[in-house]
Amino acid sequence: SGGALRAYGVGWFRQAPGKDREFVAADSWSAYSIGSWSASYT
């Protein structure tokens, strides 16, 4: 809320007990490919 999420890169992170927060997955509108979403996963 408060903004259109399509304009943002969004990431999912997780933190297990006693461990550092770690990257899980993320995506955003690709700046290099018209009409394409770019995603990454650990």
PDB file of all heavy atoms in Angstrom:
ATOM      1  N   SER A   1       0.859  -1.180   0.000  1.00  0.00           N
ATOM      2  CA  SER A   1       0.000   0.000   0.000  1.00  0.00           C
ATOM      3  C   SER A   1       0.893   1.227   0.000  1.00  0.00           C
ATOM      4  O   SER A   1       2.043   1.167   0.421  1.00  0.00           O
ATOM      5  CB  SER A   1      -0.929   0.008   1.215  1.00  0.00           C
ATOM      6  OG  SER A   1      -0.176  -0.032   2.418  1.00  0.00           O
ATOM      7  N   GLY A   2       0.365   2.321  -0.526  1.00  0.00           N
ATOM      8  CA  GLY A   2       1.142   3.553  -0.562  1.00  0.00           C
ATOM      9  C   GLY A   2       2.015   3.702  -1.783  1.00  0.00           C
ATOM     10  O   GLY A   2       2.761   4.679  -1.884  1.00  0.00           O
ATOM     11  N   GLY A   3       1.934   2.744  -2.690  1.00  0.00           N
ATOM     12  CA  GLY A   3       2.737   2.837  -3.901  1.00  0.00           C
ATOM     13  C   GLY A   3       2.431   1.687  -4.833  1.00  0.00           C
ATOM     14  O   GLY A   3       1.976   0.632  -4.384  1.00  0.00           O
ATOM     15  N   ALA A   4       2.679   1.889  -6.112  1.00  0.00           N
ATOM     16  CA  ALA A   4       2.444   0.839  -7.104  1.00  0.00           C
ATOM     17  C   ALA A   4       3.644  -0.094  -7.128  1.00  0.00           C
ATOM     18  O   ALA A   4       4.748   0.303  -7.518  1.00  0.00           O
ATOM     19  CB  ALA A   4       2.217   1.453  -8.472  1.00  0.00           C
ATOM     20  N   LEU A   5       3.431  -1.334  -6.725  1.00  0.00           N
ATOM     21  CA  LEU A   5       4.527  -2.288  -6.566  1.00  0.00           C
ATOM     22  C   LEU A   5       5.232  -2.594  -7.872  1.00  0.00           C
ATOM     23  O   LEU A   5       6.404  -2.995  -7.878  1.00  0.00           O
ATOM     24  CB  LEU A   5       3.992  -3.573  -5.922  1.00  0.00           C
ATOM     25  CG  LEU A   5       4.958  -4.374  -5.049  1.00  0.00           C
ATOM     26  CD1 LEU A   5       5.611  -3.502  -4.004  1.00  0.00           C
ATOM     27  CD2 LEU A   5       4.237  -5.544  -4.426  1.00  0.00           C
ATOM     28  N   ARG A   6       4.551  -2.396  -8.991  1.00  0.00           N
ATOM     29  CA  ARG A   6       5.179  -2.702 -10.275  1.00  0.00           C
ATOM     30  C   ARG A   6       6.381  -1.801 -10.537  1.00  0.00           C
ATOM     31  O   ARG A   6       7.224  -2.137 -11.355  1.00  0.00           O
ATOM     32  CB  ARG A   6       4.166  -2.575 -11.399  1.00  0.00           C
ATOM     33  CG  ARG A   6       3.627  -1.172 -11.633  1.00  0.00           C
ATOM     34  CD  ARG A   6       2.644  -1.152 -12.805  1.00  0.00           C
ATOM     35  NE  ARG A   6       2.110   0.185 -13.029  1.00  0.00           N
ATOM     36  CZ  ARG A   6       1.025   0.655 -12.415  1.00  0.00           C
ATOM     37  NH1 ARG A   6       0.381  -0.112 -11.558  1.00  0.00           N
ATOM     38  NH2 ARG A   6       0.600   1.863 -12.663  1.00  0.00           N
ATOM     39  N   ALA A   7       6.462  -0.674  -9.857  1.00  0.00           N
ATOM     40  CA  ALA A   7       7.582   0.248 -10.036  1.00  0.00           C
ATOM     41  C   ALA A   7       8.763  -0.105  -9.140  1.00  0.00           C
ATOM     42  O   ALA A   7       9.793   0.581  -9.170  1.00  0.00           O
ATOM     43  CB  ALA A   7       7.134   1.673  -9.760  1.00  0.00           C
ATOM     44  N   TYR A   8       8.611  -1.161  -8.350  1.00  0.00           N
ATOM     45  CA  TYR A   8       9.622  -1.517  -7.375  1.00  0.00           C
ATOM     46  C   TYR A   8      10.202  -2.890  -7.661  1.00  0.00           C
ATOM     47  O   TYR A   8       9.512  -3.793  -8.141  1.00  0.00           O
ATOM     48  CB  TYR A   8       9.026  -1.541  -5.963  1.00  0.00           C
ATOM     49  CG  TYR A   8       8.634  -0.179  -5.438  1.00  0.00           C
ATOM     50  CD1 TYR A   8       7.441   0.406  -5.818  1.00  0.00           C
ATOM     51  CD2 TYR A   8       9.458   0.495  -4.545  1.00  0.00           C
ATOM     52  CE1 TYR A   8       7.081   1.662  -5.331  1.00  0.00           C
ATOM     53  CE2 TYR A   8       9.101   1.747  -4.049  1.00  0.00           C
ATOM     54  CZ  TYR A   8       7.916   2.315  -4.449  1.00  0.00           C
ATOM     55  OH  TYR A   8       7.558   3.544  -3.970  1.00  0.00           O
ATOM     56  N   GLY A   9      11.489  -3.031  -7.346  1.00  0.00           N
ATOM     57  CA  GLY A   9      12.068  -4.352  -7.239  1.00  0.00           C
ATOM     58  C   GLY A   9      11.649  -4.930  -5.892  1.00  0.00           C
ATOM     59  O   GLY A   9      11.681  -4.221  -4.872  1.00  0.00           O
ATOM     60  N   VAL A  10      11.229  -6.170  -5.893  1.00  0.00           N
ATOM     61  CA  VAL A  10      10.761  -6.799  -4.659  1.00  0.00           C
ATOM     62  C   VAL A  10      11.598  -8.037  -4.366  1.00  0.00           C
ATOM     63  O   VAL A  10      11.829  -8.863  -5.241  1.00  0.00           O
ATOM     64  CB  VAL A  10       9.282  -7.188  -4.763  1.00  0.00           C
ATOM     65  CG1 VAL A  10       8.845  -7.972  -3.518  1.00  0.00           C
ATOM     66  CG2 VAL A  10       8.417  -5.943  -4.918  1.00  0.00           C
ATOM     67  N   GLY A  11      12.032  -8.140  -3.143  1.00  0.00           N
ATOM     68  CA  GLY A  11      12.816  -9.300  -2.726  1.00  0.00           C
ATOM     69  C   GLY A  11      12.167 -10.029  -1.573  1.00  0.00           C
ATOM     70  O   GLY A  11      11.438  -9.423  -0.777  1.00  0.00           O
ATOM     71  N   TRP A  12      12.394 -11.326  -1.515  1.00  0.00           N
ATOM     72  CA  TRP A  12      12.020 -12.134  -0.364  1.00  0.00           C
ATOM     73  C   TRP A  12      13.312 -12.549   0.334  1.00  0.00           C
ATOM     74  O   TRP A  12      14.254 -13.030  -0.316  1.00  0.00           O
ATOM     75  CB  TRP A  12      11.236 -13.368  -0.773  1.00  0.00           C
ATOM     76  CG  TRP A  12       9.822 -13.106  -1.174  1.00  0.00           C
ATOM     77  CD1 TRP A  12       9.339 -12.910  -2.434  1.00  0.00           C
ATOM     78  CD2 TRP A  12       8.692 -13.015  -0.295  1.00  0.00           C
ATOM     79  NE1 TRP A  12       7.984 -12.694  -2.389  1.00  0.00           N
ATOM     80  CE2 TRP A  12       7.560 -12.760  -1.092  1.00  0.00           C
ATOM     81  CE3 TRP A  12       8.530 -13.121   1.085  1.00  0.00           C
ATOM     82  CZ2 TRP A  12       6.279 -12.609  -0.553  1.00  0.00           C
ATOM     83  CZ3 TRP A  12       7.256 -12.983   1.630  1.00  0.00           C
ATOM     84  CH2 TRP A  12       6.149 -12.719   0.813  1.00  0.00           C
ATOM     85  N   PHE A  13      13.342 -12.369   1.629  1.00  0.00           N
ATOM     86  CA  PHE A  13      14.473 -12.753   2.455  1.00  0.00           C
ATOM     87  C   PHE A  13      13.954 -13.619   3.595  1.00  0.00           C
ATOM     88  O   PHE A  13      12.762 -13.618   3.900  1.00  0.00           O
ATOM     89  CB  PHE A  13      15.183 -11.520   3.016  1.00  0.00           C
ATOM     90  CG  PHE A  13      15.830 -10.663   1.966  1.00  0.00           C
ATOM     91  CD1 PHE A  13      15.085  -9.757   1.223  1.00  0.00           C
ATOM     92  CD2 PHE A  13      17.182 -10.774   1.699  1.00  0.00           C
ATOM     93  CE1 PHE A  13      15.674  -8.980   0.246  1.00  0.00           C
ATOM     94  CE2 PHE A  13      17.791  -9.993   0.728  1.00  0.00           C
ATOM     95  CZ  PHE A  13      17.032  -9.098   0.001  1.00  0.00           C
ATOM     96  N   ARG A  14      14.851 -14.355   4.222  1.00  0.00           N
ATOM     97  CA  ARG A  14      14.440 -15.157   5.367  1.00  0.00           C
ATOM     98  C   ARG A  14      15.534 -15.149   6.418  1.00  0.00           C
ATOM     99  O   ARG A  14      16.711 -14.964   6.115  1.00  0.00           O
ATOM    100  CB  ARG A  14      14.120 -16.591   4.948  1.00  0.00           C
ATOM    101  CG  ARG A  14      15.310 -17.379   4.400  1.00  0.00           C
ATOM    102  CD  ARG A  14      14.823 -18.719   3.870  1.00  0.00           C
ATOM    103  NE  ARG A  14      15.939 -19.499   3.335  1.00  0.00           N
ATOM    104  CZ  ARG A  14      15.782 -20.651   2.676  1.00  0.00           C
ATOM    105  NH1 ARG A  14      14.564 -21.147   2.461  1.00  0.00           N
ATOM    106  NH2 ARG A  14      16.835 -21.302   2.235  1.00  0.00           N
ATOM    107  N   GLN A  15      15.100 -15.360   7.639  1.00  0.00           N
ATOM    108  CA  GLN A  15      16.037 -15.411   8.748  1.00  0.00           C
ATOM    109  C   GLN A  15      15.648 -16.538   9.687  1.00  0.00           C
ATOM    110  O   GLN A  15      14.554 -16.529  10.269  1.00  0.00           O
ATOM    111  CB  GLN A  15      16.074 -14.085   9.511  1.00  0.00           C
ATOM    112  CG  GLN A  15      17.162 -14.030  10.575  1.00  0.00           C
ATOM    113  CD  GLN A  15      17.404 -12.631  11.090  1.00  0.00           C
ATOM    114  OE1 GLN A  15      16.556 -11.755  10.993  1.00  0.00           O
ATOM    115  NE2 GLN A  15      18.590 -12.404  11.639  1.00  0.00           N
ATOM    116  N   ALA A  16      16.538 -17.510   9.799  1.00  0.00           N
ATOM    117  CA  ALA A  16      16.342 -18.622  10.711  1.00  0.00           C
ATOM    118  C   ALA A  16      16.940 -18.270  12.073  1.00  0.00           C
ATOM    119  O   ALA A  16      17.830 -17.416  12.155  1.00  0.00           O
ATOM    120  CB  ALA A  16      16.999 -19.882  10.152  1.00  0.00           C
ATOM    121  N   PRO A  17      16.496 -18.926  13.136  1.00  0.00           N
ATOM    122  CA  PRO A  17      17.032 -18.628  14.469  1.00  0.00           C
ATOM    123  C   PRO A  17      18.539 -18.784  14.518  1.00  0.00           C
ATOM    124  O   PRO A  17      19.090 -19.795  14.070  1.00  0.00           O
ATOM    125  CB  PRO A  17      16.332 -19.671  15.353  1.00  0.00           C
ATOM    126  CG  PRO A  17      15.070 -19.978  14.642  1.00  0.00           C
ATOM    127  CD  PRO A  17      15.407 -19.910  13.181  1.00  0.00           C
ATOM    128  N   GLY A  18      19.216 -17.754  15.037  1.00  0.00           N
ATOM    129  CA  GLY A  18      20.659 -17.813  15.185  1.00  0.00           C
ATOM    130  C   GLY A  18      21.454 -17.595  13.907  1.00  0.00           C
ATOM    131  O   GLY A  18      22.675 -17.736  13.914  1.00  0.00           O
ATOM    132  N   LYS A  19      20.744 -17.272  12.830  1.00  0.00           N
ATOM    133  CA  LYS A  19      21.428 -17.085  11.546  1.00  0.00           C
ATOM    134  C   LYS A  19      21.171 -15.679  11.002  1.00  0.00           C
ATOM    135  O   LYS A  19      20.227 -15.003  11.403  1.00  0.00           O
ATOM    136  CB  LYS A  19      20.961 -18.128  10.536  1.00  0.00           C
ATOM    137  CG  LYS A  19      21.344 -19.548  10.898  1.00  0.00           C
ATOM    138  CD  LYS A  19      20.998 -20.501   9.764  1.00  0.00           C
ATOM    139  CE  LYS A  19      21.450 -21.918  10.083  1.00  0.00           C
ATOM    140  NZ  LYS A  19      21.132 -22.861   8.951  1.00  0.00           N
ATOM    141  N   ASP A  20      22.024 -15.273  10.071  1.00  0.00           N
ATOM    142  CA  ASP A  20      21.838 -13.989   9.420  1.00  0.00           C
ATOM    143  C   ASP A  20      20.678 -14.065   8.434  1.00  0.00           C
ATOM    144  O   ASP A  20      20.323 -15.142   7.935  1.00  0.00           O
ATOM    145  CB  ASP A  20      23.113 -13.592   8.672  1.00  0.00           C
ATOM    146  CG  ASP A  20      24.257 -13.281   9.609  1.00  0.00           C
ATOM    147  OD1 ASP A  20      23.995 -12.912  10.774  1.00  0.00           O
ATOM    148  OD2 ASP A  20      25.416 -13.402   9.167  1.00  0.00           O
ATOM    149  N   ARG A  21      20.109 -12.924   8.161  1.00  0.00           N
ATOM    150  CA  ARG A  21      19.067 -12.864   7.134  1.00  0.00           C
ATOM    151  C   ARG A  21      19.698 -13.159   5.780  1.00  0.00           C
ATOM    152  O   ARG A  21      20.796 -12.688   5.475  1.00  0.00           O
ATOM    153  CB  ARG A  21      18.425 -11.478   7.150  1.00  0.00           C
ATOM    154  CG  ARG A  21      17.219 -11.337   6.253  1.00  0.00           C
ATOM    155  CD  ARG A  21      16.415 -10.103   6.634  1.00  0.00           C
ATOM    156  NE  ARG A  21      17.219  -8.893   6.607  1.00  0.00           N
ATOM    157  CZ  ARG A  21      16.814  -7.731   7.099  1.00  0.00           C
ATOM    158  NH1 ARG A  21      15.612  -7.628   7.664  1.00  0.00           N
ATOM    159  NH2 ARG A  21      17.592  -6.664   7.028  1.00  0.00           N
ATOM    160  N   GLU A  22      19.003 -13.945   4.968  1.00  0.00           N
ATOM    161  CA  GLU A  22      19.553 -14.329   3.674  1.00  0.00           C
ATOM    162  C   GLU A  22      18.554 -14.077   2.549  1.00  0.00           C
ATOM    163  O   GLU A  22      17.333 -14.118   2.746  1.00  0.00           O
ATOM    164  CB  GLU A  22      19.969 -15.807   3.671  1.00  0.00           C
ATOM    165  CG  GLU A  22      18.824 -16.786   3.801  1.00  0.00           C
ATOM    166  CD  GLU A  22      19.250 -18.225   3.564  1.00  0.00           C
ATOM    167  OE1 GLU A  22      20.384 -18.465   3.112  1.00  0.00           O
ATOM    168  OE2 GLU A  22      18.431 -19.113   3.827  1.00  0.00           O
ATOM    169  N   PHE A  23      19.092 -13.849   1.387  1.00  0.00           N
ATOM    170  CA  PHE A  23      18.291 -13.638   0.187  1.00  0.00           C
ATOM    171  C   PHE A  23      17.635 -14.950  -0.237  1.00  0.00           C
ATOM    172  O   PHE A  23      18.247 -16.015  -0.177  1.00  0.00           O
ATOM    173  CB  PHE A  23      19.190 -13.122  -0.936  1.00  0.00           C
ATOM    174  CG  PHE A  23      18.543 -13.121  -2.286  1.00  0.00           C
ATOM    175  CD1 PHE A  23      17.654 -12.124  -2.640  1.00  0.00           C
ATOM    176  CD2 PHE A  23      18.822 -14.119  -3.209  1.00  0.00           C
ATOM    177  CE1 PHE A  23      17.051 -12.117  -3.885  1.00  0.00           C
ATOM    178  CE2 PHE A  23      18.242 -14.134  -4.447  1.00  0.00           C
ATOM    179  CZ  PHE A  23      17.350 -13.128  -4.793  1.00  0.00           C
ATOM    180  N   VAL A  24      16.398 -14.860  -0.681  1.00  0.00           N
ATOM    181  CA  VAL A  24      15.673 -16.032  -1.173  1.00  0.00           C
ATOM    182  C   VAL A  24      15.328 -15.869  -2.658  1.00  0.00           C
ATOM    183  O   VAL A  24      15.682 -16.707  -3.480  1.00  0.00           O
ATOM    184  CB  VAL A  24      14.378 -16.270  -0.372  1.00  0.00           C
ATOM    185  CG1 VAL A  24      13.594 -17.447  -0.954  1.00  0.00           C
ATOM    186  CG2 VAL A  24      14.690 -16.510   1.091  1.00  0.00           C
ATOM    187  N   ALA A  25      14.630 -14.802  -2.997  1.00  0.00           N
ATOM    188  CA  ALA A  25      14.186 -14.585  -4.367  1.00  0.00           C
ATOM    189  C   ALA A  25      13.849 -13.111  -4.544  1.00  0.00           C
ATOM    190  O   ALA A  25      13.564 -12.413  -3.577  1.00  0.00           O
ATOM    191  CB  ALA A  25      12.972 -15.445  -4.695  1.00  0.00           C
ATOM    192  N   ALA A  26      13.871 -12.673  -5.800  1.00  0.00           N
ATOM    193  CA  ALA A  26      13.528 -11.279  -6.075  1.00  0.00           C
ATOM    194  C   ALA A  26      13.165 -11.134  -7.534  1.00  0.00           C
ATOM    195  O   ALA A  26      13.576 -11.946  -8.375  1.00  0.00           O
ATOM    196  CB  ALA A  26      14.693 -10.337  -5.735  1.00  0.00           C
ATOM    197  N   ASP A  27      12.406 -10.099  -7.847  1.00  0.00           N
ATOM    198  CA  ASP A  27      12.167  -9.802  -9.240  1.00  0.00           C
ATOM    199  C   ASP A  27      11.887  -8.319  -9.425  1.00  0.00           C
ATOM    200  O   ASP A  27      11.621  -7.582  -8.479  1.00  0.00           O
ATOM    201  CB  ASP A  27      11.032 -10.668  -9.821  1.00  0.00           C
ATOM    202  CG  ASP A  27       9.629 -10.145  -9.524  1.00  0.00           C
ATOM    203  OD1 ASP A  27       9.474  -9.280  -8.648  1.00  0.00           O
ATOM    204  OD2 ASP A  27       8.680 -10.620 -10.180  1.00  0.00           O
ATOM    205  N   SER A  28      11.993  -7.888 -10.667  1.00  0.00           N
ATOM    206  CA  SER A  28      11.690  -6.513 -11.030  1.00  0.00           C
ATOM    207  C   SER A  28      11.517  -6.454 -12.535  1.00  0.00           C
ATOM    208  O   SER A  28      11.892  -7.378 -13.257  1.00  0.00           O
ATOM    209  CB  SER A  28      12.798  -5.558 -10.573  1.00  0.00           C
ATOM    210  OG  SER A  28      14.038  -5.924 -11.136  1.00  0.00           O
ATOM    211  N   TRP A  29      10.964  -5.345 -12.984  1.00  0.00           N
ATOM    212  CA  TRP A  29      10.812  -5.151 -14.416  1.00  0.00           C
ATOM    213  C   TRP A  29      12.194  -4.974 -15.027  1.00  0.00           C
ATOM    214  O   TRP A  29      12.971  -4.171 -14.562  1.00  0.00           O
ATOM    215  CB  TRP A  29       9.933  -3.943 -14.668  1.00  0.00           C
ATOM    216  CG  TRP A  29       9.539  -3.754 -16.089  1.00  0.00           C
ATOM    217  CD1 TRP A  29      10.044  -2.867 -16.972  1.00  0.00           C
ATOM    218  CD2 TRP A  29       8.563  -4.498 -16.801  1.00  0.00           C
ATOM    219  NE1 TRP A  29       9.437  -2.994 -18.189  1.00  0.00           N
ATOM    220  CE2 TRP A  29       8.516  -3.994 -18.110  1.00  0.00           C
ATOM    221  CE3 TRP A  29       7.703  -5.555 -16.448  1.00  0.00           C
ATOM    222  CZ2 TRP A  29       7.656  -4.500 -19.070  1.00  0.00           C
ATOM    223  CZ3 TRP A  29       6.835  -6.052 -17.416  1.00  0.00           C
ATOM    224  CH2 TRP A  29       6.823  -5.527 -18.705  1.00  0.00           C
ATOM    225  N   SER A  30      12.495  -5.722 -16.021  1.00  0.00           N
ATOM    226  CA  SER A  30      13.834  -5.678 -16.588  1.00  0.00           C
ATOM    227  C   SER A  30      14.051  -4.369 -17.326  1.00  0.00           C
ATOM    228  O   SER A  30      13.249  -3.971 -18.158  1.00  0.00           O
ATOM    229  CB  SER A  30      14.036  -6.837 -17.564  1.00  0.00           C
ATOM    230  OG  SER A  30      15.272  -6.696 -18.218  1.00  0.00           O
ATOM    231  N   ALA A  31      15.162  -3.741 -17.002  1.00  0.00           N
ATOM    232  CA  ALA A  31      15.503  -2.499 -17.684  1.00  0.00           C
ATOM    233  C   ALA A  31      16.118  -2.774 -19.045  1.00  0.00           C
ATOM    234  O   ALA A  31      16.316  -1.856 -19.840  1.00  0.00           O
ATOM    235  CB  ALA A  31      16.483  -1.691 -16.844  1.00  0.00           C
ATOM    236  N   TYR A  32      16.392  -4.028 -19.324  1.00  0.00           N
ATOM    237  CA  TYR A  32      17.144  -4.351 -20.529  1.00  0.00           C
ATOM    238  C   TYR A  32      16.331  -5.131 -21.547  1.00  0.00           C
ATOM    239  O   TYR A  32      16.766  -5.374 -22.646  1.00  0.00           O
ATOM    240  CB  TYR A  32      18.394  -5.153 -20.160  1.00  0.00           C
ATOM    241  CG  TYR A  32      19.263  -4.439 -19.165  1.00  0.00           C
ATOM    242  CD1 TYR A  32      19.275  -4.829 -17.836  1.00  0.00           C
ATOM    243  CD2 TYR A  32      20.051  -3.362 -19.532  1.00  0.00           C
ATOM    244  CE1 TYR A  32      20.050  -4.170 -16.904  1.00  0.00           C
ATOM    245  CE2 TYR A  32      20.824  -2.692 -18.602  1.00  0.00           C
ATOM    246  CZ  TYR A  32      20.819  -3.102 -17.305  1.00  0.00           C
ATOM    247  OH  TYR A  32      21.576  -2.442 -16.384  1.00  0.00           O
ATOM    248  N   SER A  33      15.133  -5.535 -21.139  1.00  0.00           N
ATOM    249  CA  SER A  33      14.316  -6.330 -22.045  1.00  0.00           C
ATOM    250  C   SER A  33      12.883  -5.838 -21.977  1.00  0.00           C
ATOM    251  O   SER A  33      12.231  -5.965 -20.950  1.00  0.00           O
ATOM    252  CB  SER A  33      14.393  -7.807 -21.660  1.00  0.00           C
ATOM    253  OG  SER A  33      13.594  -8.592 -22.514  1.00  0.00           O
ATOM    254  N   ILE A  34      12.409  -5.257 -23.043  1.00  0.00           N
ATOM    255  CA  ILE A  34      11.071  -4.687 -23.045  1.00  0.00           C
ATOM    256  C   ILE A  34      10.037  -5.777 -22.799  1.00  0.00           C
ATOM    257  O   ILE A  34      10.052  -6.829 -23.407  1.00  0.00           O
ATOM    258  CB  ILE A  34      10.808  -3.988 -24.387  1.00  0.00           C
ATOM    259  CG1 ILE A  34      11.775  -2.811 -24.559  1.00  0.00           C
ATOM    260  CG2 ILE A  34       9.364  -3.530 -24.478  1.00  0.00           C
ATOM    261  CD1 ILE A  34      11.690  -2.146 -25.899  1.00  0.00           C
ATOM    262  N   GLY A  35       9.145  -5.504 -21.898  1.00  0.00           N
ATOM    263  CA  GLY A  35       8.062  -6.447 -21.627  1.00  0.00           C
ATOM    264  C   GLY A  35       8.518  -7.683 -20.889  1.00  0.00           C
ATOM    265  O   GLY A  35       7.960  -8.760 -21.085  1.00  0.00           O
ATOM    266  N   SER A  36       9.517  -7.549 -20.049  1.00  0.00           N
ATOM    267  CA  SER A  36      10.043  -8.737 -19.391  1.00  0.00           C
ATOM    268  C   SER A  36      10.288  -8.478 -17.920  1.00  0.00           C
ATOM    269  O   SER A  36      10.779  -7.431 -17.524  1.00  0.00           O
ATOM    270  CB  SER A  36      11.360  -9.142 -20.054  1.00  0.00           C
ATOM    271  OG  SER A  36      12.001 -10.161 -19.319  1.00  0.00           O
ATOM    272  N   TRP A  37       9.929  -9.452 -17.093  1.00  0.00           N
ATOM    273  CA  TRP A  37      10.271  -9.442 -15.684  1.00  0.00           C
ATOM    274  C   TRP A  37      11.516 -10.288 -15.504  1.00  0.00           C
ATOM    275  O   TRP A  37      11.656 -11.342 -16.090  1.00  0.00           O
ATOM    276  CB  TRP A  37       9.131 -10.000 -14.830  1.00  0.00           C
ATOM    277  CG  TRP A  37       7.949  -9.090 -14.785  1.00  0.00           C
ATOM    278  CD1 TRP A  37       6.865  -9.115 -15.605  1.00  0.00           C
ATOM    279  CD2 TRP A  37       7.744  -8.007 -13.884  1.00  0.00           C
ATOM    280  NE1 TRP A  37       5.995  -8.117 -15.273  1.00  0.00           N
ATOM    281  CE2 TRP A  37       6.502  -7.422 -14.219  1.00  0.00           C
ATOM    282  CE3 TRP A  37       8.474  -7.465 -12.823  1.00  0.00           C
ATOM    283  CZ2 TRP A  37       5.983  -6.323 -13.542  1.00  0.00           C
ATOM    284  CZ3 TRP A  37       7.955  -6.372 -12.143  1.00  0.00           C
ATOM    285  CH2 TRP A  37       6.727  -5.819 -12.498  1.00  0.00           C
ATOM    286  N   SER A  38      12.393  -9.789 -14.675  1.00  0.00           N
ATOM    287  CA  SER A  38      13.637 -10.485 -14.392  1.00  0.00           C
ATOM    288  C   SER A  38      13.604 -10.972 -12.958  1.00  0.00           C
ATOM    289  O   SER A  38      13.244 -10.222 -12.048  1.00  0.00           O
ATOM    290  CB  SER A  38      14.819  -9.531 -14.597  1.00  0.00           C
ATOM    291  OG  SER A  38      16.035 -10.159 -14.230  1.00  0.00           O
ATOM    292  N   ALA A  39      13.950 -12.228 -12.742  1.00  0.00           N
ATOM    293  CA  ALA A  39      13.909 -12.799 -11.395  1.00  0.00           C
ATOM    294  C   ALA A  39      15.218 -13.489 -11.059  1.00  0.00           C
ATOM    295  O   ALA A  39      15.970 -13.895 -11.946  1.00  0.00           O
ATOM    296  CB  ALA A  39      12.752 -13.791 -11.282  1.00  0.00           C
ATOM    297  N   SER A  40      15.443 -13.620  -9.764  1.00  0.00           N
ATOM    298  CA  SER A  40      16.643 -14.314  -9.293  1.00  0.00           C
ATOM    299  C   SER A  40      16.279 -15.123  -8.062  1.00  0.00           C
ATOM    300  O   SER A  40      15.416 -14.731  -7.268  1.00  0.00           O
ATOM    301  CB  SER A  40      17.742 -13.302  -8.954  1.00  0.00           C
ATOM    302  OG  SER A  40      18.892 -13.956  -8.472  1.00  0.00           O
ATOM    303  N   TYR A  41      16.936 -16.262  -7.891  1.00  0.00           N
ATOM    304  CA  TYR A  41      16.686 -17.149  -6.763  1.00  0.00           C
ATOM    305  C   TYR A  41      18.017 -17.610  -6.173  1.00  0.00           C
ATOM    306  O   TYR A  41      18.990 -17.826  -6.901  1.00  0.00           O
ATOM    307  CB  TYR A  41      15.903 -18.393  -7.195  1.00  0.00           C
ATOM    308  CG  TYR A  41      14.557 -18.118  -7.810  1.00  0.00           C
ATOM    309  CD1 TYR A  41      14.421 -17.893  -9.175  1.00  0.00           C
ATOM    310  CD2 TYR A  41      13.407 -18.089  -7.021  1.00  0.00           C
ATOM    311  CE1 TYR A  41      13.179 -17.637  -9.740  1.00  0.00           C
ATOM    312  CE2 TYR A  41      12.154 -17.839  -7.572  1.00  0.00           C
ATOM    313  CZ  TYR A  41      12.055 -17.611  -8.934  1.00  0.00           C
ATOM    314  OH  TYR A  41      10.828 -17.356  -9.480  1.00  0.00           O
ATOM    315  N   THR A  42      18.021 -17.776  -4.868  1.00  0.00           N
ATOM    316  CA  THR A  42      19.191 -18.394  -4.279  1.00  0.00           C
ATOM    317  C   THR A  42      19.228 -19.870  -4.673  1.00  0.00           C
ATOM    318  O   THR A  42      18.167 -20.475  -4.934  1.00  0.00           O
ATOM    319  CB  THR A  42      19.181 -18.240  -2.750  1.00  0.00           C
ATOM    320  OG1 THR A  42      20.452 -18.576  -2.225  1.00  0.00           O
ATOM    321  CG2 THR A  42      18.091 -19.085  -2.105  1.00  0.00           C
TER     322      THR A  42
END
